[in-house]
Amino acid sequence: MILTVKKTGINGEGIAYFEKKPVFIEGCFIGETVKCSLDDRGRYYVGKLEKVIKKSKARISQKCPYAGKCGGCSLIELRYEDQLEVKKELLREALHKYAGYRGSIEGIVPSGRIFGYRNKCNLPVVMDDSGKLANALYRAGSNKPVFFDRCLLHEEGLEDIRARIIDILNTHGLRAYSNKEKKGIRQLVMRNLDGQCHIVLITGNDRIDNEVIKEVFEIKGVVSLYQGMNTQKNPVKLMPDRLTLLKGCESIELKLGSHVLKLDPQAFFQLNYGQAKAIYEEVDSLITDKVSRIIEAYCGIGAISLYLSDRADEIIGIDIEKKSIENAEENARINGITNARFIAEDASSAVRKLVREKKADVLVVDPPRSGLDEKLLECLRDSDIGTIIYVSCNPATLAKDLGVLKKSYRIEKVKGFDMFPNTALVETVCCLYHR
């Protein structure tokens, strides 16, 4: 079929139409005429791109040799200013469809870096065609590895250390994980911030040789090496709850505004440091007067709570991950912040209890991609919290949640942030006022 692309899908794919049904086609953009084969899925078609007959003026030559293979960067061949417009339209469509919102969106704040912005990687370790260990990416819905030399989205220092680690593992003859033997390297997890690099090797029942540890620490910037053992066949998550520190410091320190944050390897922190800071500043700006009580749900290591510490008499952070709460409490201590406390509990149950005890002036939520759970939504809809600041990484779940909350709250402000250039992902800060 020869079709014309009319829209962009939530995952960055082009959308054309045939027989009044949408056709989702990876690798093409709005305005392009394409030749593709169709796979009928009932309510829609999936198109396999064969040729771009008429290219968009916004299409640029690919910088990445793996573009279209790993599937990670669906917008990498689109001019950056056009990427921002795509993300703004995706956000606008989601808010209109699910929340009935037709108000303004304050554009998408561009990232300071279009490439080299990711400070963390979490990559499978597999055997390549030559029989050596290598990192790989798996295209969505596939178990076929896509091997790569360098990922352009990773910070340069992170990539340099990653490549050196793989060289060391190969030099010492280590192998990829075998389910049968319950041994081998499964995953390489790294975070590199302010010239400090955490490394976690997720393995089977292996002992990491002292010579390997020694050589890893000869790499400039490496400050800690952990090992995590996981022999489950199909684990929900590979990172085990318990890690063994093989050498180095337990955590790395990060300067964020006037605060110092400590991060353990398991702690969550935004992958794009510059945009994380921009989002925290935006949240801070939305609280114009000092208030009595702020609650932050899904607080992680407490970064936003600590950033807002001078905005309230009392700040309470909530997260279900005990390790994150330990980090948050430590971060409050080292920064001398005494008006913040943290609770390791499910967000919905903790918020319900807290708002019964005492009114919250501001609630900040930064949930996972799945959004707020039904119990928390029900609690918020019936609450008298004056302001909700919703930080979202998924326009669709954000909009669906706002569709529930709009009965009690009005949307005051919506602002997008490009946390992940070259992908279709967009971060949003939304401010809601109680009606």
Protein backbone atom coordinates (compact mmCIF):
# COMPACT_ATOMS: atom_id res chain seq x y z
CA MET A 1 0.00 0.00 0.00
CA ILE A 2 1.01 3.63 -0.54
CA LEU A 3 -0.20 5.80 2.35
CA THR A 4 0.31 9.29 3.78
CA VAL A 5 1.23 9.69 7.45
CA LYS A 6 -1.25 11.95 9.26
CA LYS A 7 -0.31 11.72 12.94
CA THR A 8 2.29 10.49 15.41
CA GLY A 9 1.51 7.65 17.80
CA ILE A 10 2.28 7.60 21.51
CA ASN A 11 5.41 5.49 20.85
CA GLY A 12 6.65 7.76 18.06
CA GLU A 13 5.34 5.65 15.19
CA GLY A 14 3.64 7.22 12.17
CA ILE A 15 -0.14 6.83 11.84
CA ALA A 16 -1.81 6.62 8.42
CA TYR A 17 -5.35 5.44 7.60
CA PHE A 18 -6.71 2.69 5.36
CA GLU A 19 -10.39 1.74 5.10
CA LYS A 20 -11.10 4.16 7.97
CA LYS A 21 -8.80 2.22 10.31
CA PRO A 22 -5.46 3.50 11.68
CA VAL A 23 -2.24 2.03 10.34
CA PHE A 24 0.73 2.16 12.76
CA ILE A 25 4.04 2.35 10.90
CA GLU A 26 7.43 2.59 12.63
CA GLY A 27 10.12 4.78 11.11
CA CYS A 28 8.07 7.51 9.42
CA PHE A 29 6.80 10.98 10.23
CA ILE A 30 3.84 13.30 9.63
CA GLY A 31 3.44 14.35 5.99
CA GLU A 32 5.51 11.51 4.53
CA THR A 33 4.23 9.26 1.77
CA VAL A 34 5.29 5.67 2.38
CA LYS A 35 5.05 2.25 0.83
CA CYS A 36 4.24 -0.47 3.33
CA SER A 37 2.70 -3.90 3.73
CA LEU A 38 -0.26 -4.28 6.10
CA ASP A 39 -1.02 -6.71 8.89
CA ASP A 40 -4.72 -6.58 9.84
CA ARG A 41 -5.16 -6.65 13.64
CA GLY A 42 -8.93 -6.13 13.63
CA ARG A 43 -9.49 -2.59 14.86
CA TYR A 44 -6.24 -1.38 13.33
CA TYR A 45 -3.40 -2.31 10.97
CA VAL A 46 0.32 -2.60 11.63
CA GLY A 47 2.31 -1.43 8.63
CA LYS A 48 5.80 -2.66 7.80
CA LEU A 49 7.71 0.18 6.18
CA GLU A 50 9.24 -0.74 2.84
CA LYS A 51 10.12 2.67 1.44
CA VAL A 52 9.69 6.37 2.16
CA ILE A 53 8.51 7.77 -1.17
CA LYS A 54 8.17 11.41 -0.11
CA LYS A 55 10.28 12.52 2.86
CA SER A 56 9.32 15.16 5.41
CA LYS A 57 11.39 18.35 5.38
CA ALA A 58 11.90 17.72 9.09
CA ARG A 59 13.67 14.38 8.45
CA ILE A 60 17.43 14.48 8.99
CA SER A 61 20.12 11.96 8.14
CA GLN A 62 20.59 9.43 10.91
CA LYS A 63 23.47 9.98 13.29
CA CYS A 64 23.13 6.58 14.93
CA PRO A 65 24.13 3.43 13.00
CA TYR A 66 21.54 1.43 14.97
CA ALA A 67 18.57 3.71 14.22
CA GLY A 68 15.57 1.59 13.32
CA LYS A 69 17.21 -1.56 14.70
CA CYS A 70 17.08 -1.31 18.50
CA GLY A 71 13.80 0.63 18.49
CA GLY A 72 14.85 2.86 21.36
CA CYS A 73 14.92 6.22 19.57
CA SER A 74 11.82 6.51 17.39
CA LEU A 75 12.34 10.24 16.72
CA ILE A 76 16.11 10.28 16.19
CA GLU A 77 15.74 11.10 12.48
CA LEU A 78 13.46 14.09 13.18
CA ARG A 79 14.77 17.64 13.67
CA TYR A 80 14.88 18.48 17.36
CA GLU A 81 12.48 21.43 17.16
CA ASP A 82 10.01 19.13 15.40
CA GLN A 83 10.48 16.49 18.10
CA LEU A 84 9.33 19.06 20.65
CA GLU A 85 6.24 19.85 18.57
CA VAL A 86 5.42 16.14 18.31
CA LYS A 87 5.64 15.76 22.09
CA LYS A 88 3.49 18.84 22.69
CA GLU A 89 0.83 17.45 20.35
CA LEU A 90 0.93 14.02 22.01
CA LEU A 91 0.43 15.69 25.39
CA ARG A 92 -2.36 17.91 24.04
CA GLU A 93 -4.20 14.97 22.45
CA ALA A 94 -4.01 12.85 25.61
CA LEU A 95 -5.31 15.67 27.82
CA HIS A 96 -8.16 16.38 25.41
CA LYS A 97 -9.12 12.72 24.91
CA TYR A 98 -9.07 11.54 28.51
CA ALA A 99 -9.54 14.72 30.59
CA GLY A 100 -11.49 16.96 28.23
CA TYR A 101 -8.81 19.63 28.69
CA ARG A 102 -8.62 22.27 25.95
CA GLY A 103 -6.54 24.83 27.81
CA SER A 104 -3.02 25.98 27.05
CA ILE A 105 0.19 23.98 27.37
CA GLU A 106 3.32 26.01 28.04
CA GLY A 107 5.34 24.27 25.34
CA ILE A 108 7.98 21.64 25.99
CA VAL A 109 11.14 22.76 27.80
CA PRO A 110 14.04 21.53 25.63
CA SER A 111 16.85 19.43 27.03
CA GLY A 112 20.26 21.04 27.30
CA ARG A 113 21.67 17.90 25.72
CA ILE A 114 20.08 16.09 22.79
CA PHE A 115 22.65 13.28 22.98
CA GLY A 116 24.79 12.05 25.88
CA TYR A 117 22.21 12.90 28.53
CA ARG A 118 21.52 9.52 30.19
CA ASN A 119 23.50 9.12 33.42
CA LYS A 120 22.51 5.48 33.96
CA CYS A 121 22.36 2.27 31.96
CA ASN A 122 20.88 -1.14 32.74
CA LEU A 123 21.94 -3.55 30.02
CA PRO A 124 21.84 -7.30 29.44
CA VAL A 125 25.17 -9.09 29.09
CA VAL A 126 25.11 -11.78 26.39
CA MET A 127 27.50 -13.68 24.14
CA ASP A 128 27.97 -12.14 20.70
CA ASP A 129 28.60 -13.99 17.43
CA SER A 130 32.33 -14.21 18.17
CA GLY A 131 31.72 -15.88 21.52
CA LYS A 132 32.60 -12.83 23.62
CA LEU A 133 30.59 -10.97 26.22
CA ALA A 134 28.78 -7.89 24.96
CA ASN A 135 26.00 -5.54 25.93
CA ALA A 136 22.87 -5.59 23.83
CA LEU A 137 19.45 -4.02 23.54
CA TYR A 138 16.24 -5.91 22.85
CA ARG A 139 13.69 -4.40 20.53
CA ALA A 140 10.22 -4.24 22.14
CA GLY A 141 8.40 -7.55 21.71
CA SER A 142 11.55 -9.37 20.64
CA ASN A 143 14.17 -11.57 22.29
CA LYS A 144 16.69 -10.98 19.50
CA PRO A 145 19.68 -8.93 20.76
CA VAL A 146 20.85 -5.80 18.94
CA PHE A 147 24.57 -5.43 19.61
CA PHE A 148 26.11 -1.97 19.64
CA ASP A 149 29.50 -0.32 20.10
CA ARG A 150 28.27 2.91 21.70
CA CYS A 151 24.87 4.33 22.59
CA LEU A 152 24.60 8.01 21.67
CA LEU A 153 22.11 8.69 24.46
CA HIS A 154 24.53 7.64 27.21
CA GLU A 155 26.89 10.18 28.71
CA GLU A 156 30.32 9.88 27.13
CA GLY A 157 32.01 8.99 30.43
CA LEU A 158 29.39 6.33 31.12
CA GLU A 159 29.99 4.76 27.71
CA ASP A 160 33.77 4.81 28.14
CA ILE A 161 33.53 2.97 31.46
CA ARG A 162 30.91 0.52 30.15
CA ALA A 163 33.13 -0.50 27.22
CA ARG A 164 36.13 -0.91 29.52
CA ILE A 165 34.15 -3.10 31.94
CA ILE A 166 33.14 -5.44 29.11
CA ASP A 167 36.80 -5.64 28.00
CA ILE A 168 37.88 -6.62 31.51
CA LEU A 169 35.18 -9.29 31.81
CA ASN A 170 36.27 -10.76 28.46
CA THR A 171 39.96 -10.64 29.36
CA HIS A 172 39.24 -12.83 32.38
CA GLY A 173 37.12 -15.28 30.39
CA LEU A 174 33.81 -14.62 32.10
CA ARG A 175 30.67 -15.97 30.44
CA ALA A 176 27.08 -14.89 30.04
CA TYR A 177 24.51 -16.30 32.45
CA SER A 178 23.33 -19.86 31.95
CA ASN A 179 19.99 -20.90 33.42
CA LYS A 180 21.19 -24.50 33.47
CA GLU A 181 24.40 -23.80 35.40
CA LYS A 182 23.00 -20.86 37.42
CA LYS A 183 26.26 -19.03 36.76
CA GLY A 184 27.50 -16.18 34.61
CA ILE A 185 27.01 -12.42 34.12
CA ARG A 186 23.38 -11.40 33.55
CA GLN A 187 23.25 -7.62 33.66
CA LEU A 188 25.50 -4.57 33.90
CA VAL A 189 24.00 -1.63 35.81
CA MET A 190 25.89 1.67 35.98
CA ARG A 191 25.22 5.22 37.16
CA ASN A 192 27.68 8.04 36.48
CA LEU A 193 27.12 11.41 38.18
CA ASP A 194 29.59 14.22 38.86
CA GLY A 195 32.51 11.99 37.84
CA GLN A 196 31.50 9.18 40.22
CA CYS A 197 30.47 5.83 38.81
CA HIS A 198 28.54 3.08 40.61
CA ILE A 199 28.80 -0.36 38.99
CA VAL A 200 26.57 -3.36 39.74
CA LEU A 201 27.23 -6.77 38.21
CA ILE A 202 24.14 -8.95 38.40
CA THR A 203 25.26 -12.57 38.25
CA GLY A 204 24.35 -16.12 39.04
CA ASN A 205 26.13 -18.02 41.81
CA ASP A 206 29.53 -16.58 40.90
CA ARG A 207 32.51 -15.30 42.81
CA ILE A 208 34.08 -12.21 41.24
CA ASP A 209 37.87 -12.64 41.14
CA ASN A 210 39.99 -10.12 43.03
CA GLU A 211 41.98 -9.36 39.88
CA VAL A 212 38.76 -8.36 38.11
CA ILE A 213 37.88 -6.05 41.01
CA LYS A 214 41.39 -4.55 40.94
CA GLU A 215 41.24 -3.81 37.21
CA VAL A 216 37.76 -2.30 37.46
CA PHE A 217 39.06 0.15 40.06
CA GLU A 218 41.89 1.19 37.77
CA ILE A 219 39.24 2.85 35.58
CA LYS A 220 39.06 6.58 36.26
CA GLY A 221 35.80 7.59 37.91
CA VAL A 222 34.80 4.20 39.35
CA VAL A 223 33.99 4.63 43.05
CA SER A 224 32.12 1.43 43.87
CA LEU A 225 31.56 -2.10 42.59
CA TYR A 226 28.60 -4.16 43.78
CA GLN A 227 27.48 -7.68 43.02
CA GLY A 228 23.88 -8.84 43.05
CA MET A 229 22.98 -12.52 42.65
CA ASN A 230 19.79 -13.55 40.90
CA THR A 231 19.17 -17.10 39.67
CA GLN A 232 15.44 -16.83 38.99
CA LYS A 233 14.51 -17.99 35.51
CA ASN A 234 12.14 -15.16 34.56
CA PRO A 235 12.36 -12.57 37.34
CA VAL A 236 10.05 -9.57 37.44
CA LYS A 237 13.16 -7.49 38.12
CA LEU A 238 16.78 -8.54 37.89
CA MET A 239 18.16 -6.15 40.50
CA PRO A 240 17.96 -8.08 43.79
CA ASP A 241 16.98 -6.36 47.03
CA ARG A 242 20.32 -7.27 48.58
CA LEU A 243 23.62 -6.25 47.02
CA THR A 244 27.17 -7.06 48.15
CA LEU A 245 29.69 -4.22 48.09
CA LEU A 246 32.87 -5.72 46.61
CA LYS A 247 34.92 -2.54 46.90
CA GLY A 248 34.53 1.22 47.25
CA CYS A 249 31.98 3.55 48.81
CA GLU A 250 28.37 2.61 49.48
CA SER A 251 26.86 5.66 47.80
CA ILE A 252 27.68 8.57 45.52
CA GLU A 253 26.99 12.21 46.25
CA LEU A 254 25.16 14.59 43.95
CA LYS A 255 24.90 18.35 44.24
CA LEU A 256 21.35 19.54 43.55
CA GLY A 257 20.90 23.25 44.05
CA SER A 258 22.03 23.99 47.60
CA HIS A 259 21.54 20.37 48.68
CA VAL A 260 23.76 17.30 48.63
CA LEU A 261 22.05 14.00 47.84
CA LYS A 262 23.40 10.52 48.49
CA LEU A 263 22.33 7.76 46.10
CA ASP A 264 22.68 4.02 46.59
CA PRO A 265 22.74 1.83 43.45
CA GLN A 266 19.10 0.79 43.94
CA ALA A 267 17.81 4.32 44.51
CA PHE A 268 15.81 6.03 41.77
CA PHE A 269 17.03 9.30 40.29
CA GLN A 270 16.12 10.95 37.00
CA LEU A 271 18.28 9.85 34.06
CA ASN A 272 18.65 13.39 32.67
CA TYR A 273 20.22 15.48 35.44
CA GLY A 274 19.72 18.88 33.78
CA GLN A 275 16.03 18.31 33.17
CA ALA A 276 15.53 16.88 36.65
CA LYS A 277 16.80 20.15 38.10
CA ALA A 278 14.50 22.12 35.77
CA ILE A 279 11.48 20.10 36.93
CA TYR A 280 12.32 20.58 40.61
CA GLU A 281 12.65 24.33 40.03
CA GLU A 282 9.25 24.36 38.30
CA VAL A 283 7.60 22.50 41.20
CA ASP A 284 9.22 24.93 43.64
CA SER A 285 7.93 27.94 41.68
CA LEU A 286 4.33 26.70 41.90
CA ILE A 287 4.31 27.11 45.69
CA THR A 288 4.37 30.88 45.98
CA ASP A 289 3.72 31.25 49.73
CA LYS A 290 5.01 29.28 52.68
CA VAL A 291 2.46 26.69 53.79
CA SER A 292 1.91 24.53 56.83
CA ARG A 293 2.15 21.03 55.33
CA ILE A 294 3.42 19.48 52.10
CA ILE A 295 3.12 15.77 51.32
CA GLU A 296 5.14 14.12 48.55
CA ALA A 297 3.96 10.71 47.34
CA TYR A 298 6.40 8.45 45.48
CA CYS A 299 9.24 10.54 46.93
CA GLY A 300 12.15 8.21 46.11
CA ILE A 301 15.33 9.53 47.74
CA GLY A 302 13.48 12.69 48.83
CA ALA A 303 14.93 15.04 46.21
CA ILE A 304 11.76 17.11 45.70
CA SER A 305 10.88 17.07 49.40
CA LEU A 306 14.28 18.46 50.33
CA TYR A 307 14.13 20.97 47.47
CA LEU A 308 10.86 22.27 48.96
CA SER A 309 12.02 22.20 52.59
CA ASP A 310 11.85 25.98 53.02
CA ARG A 311 8.33 26.12 51.53
CA ALA A 312 6.55 24.49 54.48
CA ASP A 313 6.61 24.06 58.23
CA GLU A 314 6.38 20.30 57.72
CA ILE A 315 7.17 18.03 54.76
CA ILE A 316 6.28 14.32 54.64
CA GLY A 317 7.68 12.04 51.94
CA ILE A 318 6.17 8.63 51.14
CA ASP A 319 7.63 5.75 49.15
CA ILE A 320 7.02 2.01 49.22
CA GLU A 321 10.74 1.21 48.72
CA LYS A 322 12.43 1.02 52.12
CA LYS A 323 15.88 1.60 50.62
CA SER A 324 14.72 4.85 49.02
CA ILE A 325 13.29 6.02 52.36
CA GLU A 326 16.60 5.21 54.06
CA ASN A 327 18.34 7.37 51.44
CA ALA A 328 15.79 10.16 51.96
CA GLU A 329 16.30 10.16 55.74
CA GLU A 330 20.07 10.20 55.29
CA ASN A 331 19.80 13.05 52.79
CA ALA A 332 17.71 15.09 55.24
CA ARG A 333 20.32 14.51 57.97
CA ILE A 334 23.35 15.49 55.91
CA ASN A 335 21.61 18.67 54.74
CA GLY A 336 20.50 19.63 58.25
CA ILE A 337 16.81 19.58 57.31
CA THR A 338 14.71 18.96 60.41
CA ASN A 339 11.20 19.67 59.12
CA ALA A 340 11.07 16.64 56.80
CA ARG A 341 10.10 13.09 57.70
CA PHE A 342 9.71 10.04 55.51
CA ILE A 343 7.41 7.01 55.56
CA ALA A 344 8.03 3.63 53.93
CA GLU A 345 4.48 2.71 52.93
CA ASP A 346 2.11 2.37 50.00
CA ALA A 347 1.23 5.89 48.79
CA SER A 348 -2.56 5.47 48.77
CA SER A 349 -2.85 4.16 52.34
CA ALA A 350 -0.32 6.64 53.75
CA VAL A 351 -1.92 9.69 52.09
CA ARG A 352 -5.40 8.63 53.28
CA LYS A 353 -4.17 8.41 56.89
CA LEU A 354 -2.24 11.67 56.72
CA VAL A 355 -5.08 13.78 55.31
CA ARG A 356 -7.43 12.40 57.99
CA GLU A 357 -4.99 13.50 60.71
CA LYS A 358 -4.35 17.00 59.40
CA LYS A 359 -5.07 18.97 56.25
CA ALA A 360 -2.31 19.07 53.64
CA ASP A 361 -1.87 22.36 51.81
CA VAL A 362 0.09 20.85 48.92
CA LEU A 363 0.44 17.32 47.61
CA VAL A 364 3.21 16.51 45.15
CA VAL A 365 2.91 13.20 43.27
CA ASP A 366 5.50 11.69 40.93
CA PRO A 367 4.10 8.21 40.20
CA PRO A 368 5.44 5.49 37.87
CA ARG A 369 4.19 5.24 34.26
CA SER A 370 1.06 3.44 35.43
CA GLY A 371 -0.10 6.62 37.20
CA LEU A 372 -2.03 6.91 40.48
CA ASP A 373 -3.87 3.86 41.79
CA GLU A 374 -7.66 3.88 42.16
CA LYS A 375 -7.65 4.14 45.96
CA LEU A 376 -5.39 7.20 45.92
CA LEU A 377 -7.48 8.82 43.17
CA GLU A 378 -10.64 8.23 45.21
CA CYS A 379 -8.98 9.71 48.28
CA LEU A 380 -7.80 12.81 46.41
CA ARG A 381 -11.13 13.35 44.68
CA ASP A 382 -12.84 13.53 48.09
CA SER A 383 -10.07 15.46 49.86
CA ASP A 384 -9.72 19.16 50.63
CA ILE A 385 -6.03 19.44 49.68
CA GLY A 386 -5.60 22.93 48.28
CA THR A 387 -3.00 22.24 45.56
CA ILE A 388 -1.88 19.07 43.79
CA ILE A 389 1.31 19.18 41.73
CA TYR A 390 1.40 16.13 39.46
CA VAL A 391 4.75 15.20 37.91
CA SER A 392 4.15 12.63 35.18
CA CYS A 393 6.24 10.56 32.77
CA ASN A 394 3.21 9.29 30.82
CA PRO A 395 0.69 11.69 29.17
CA ALA A 396 -1.96 8.98 28.82
CA THR A 397 -2.08 7.96 32.50
CA LEU A 398 -1.73 11.60 33.56
CA ALA A 399 -4.75 12.54 31.45
CA LYS A 400 -6.83 9.59 32.69
CA ASP A 401 -6.06 10.53 36.30
CA LEU A 402 -6.95 14.17 35.62
CA GLY A 403 -10.24 12.96 34.16
CA VAL A 404 -11.08 11.60 37.62
CA LEU A 405 -9.69 14.53 39.60
CA LYS A 406 -11.38 17.24 37.51
CA LYS A 407 -14.59 16.71 39.49
CA SER A 408 -12.88 18.32 42.48
CA TYR A 409 -9.88 20.11 40.93
CA ARG A 410 -9.28 22.48 38.04
CA ILE A 411 -6.14 22.43 35.93
CA GLU A 412 -4.23 25.66 36.51
CA LYS A 413 -1.04 24.98 34.54
CA VAL A 414 0.48 22.33 32.26
CA LYS A 415 4.15 22.39 31.27
CA GLY A 416 6.11 19.73 29.41
CA PHE A 417 9.79 18.83 29.76
CA ASP A 418 11.84 16.87 27.27
CA MET A 419 13.55 14.42 29.59
CA PHE A 420 14.38 11.94 26.80
CA PRO A 421 15.33 13.55 23.46
CA ASN A 422 15.04 11.37 20.34
CA THR A 423 12.27 9.31 21.95
CA ALA A 424 8.52 9.97 22.08
CA LEU A 425 8.57 10.18 25.89
CA VAL A 426 7.65 13.46 27.58
CA GLU A 427 7.65 14.54 31.23
CA THR A 428 4.89 16.87 32.46
CA VAL A 429 4.34 19.09 35.48
CA CYS A 430 0.65 19.83 36.06
CA CYS A 431 -0.70 22.13 38.78
CA LEU A 432 -4.25 21.57 40.08
CA TYR A 433 -6.28 23.80 42.40
CA HIS A 434 -9.19 22.63 44.52
CA ARG A 435 -12.54 23.95 43.22
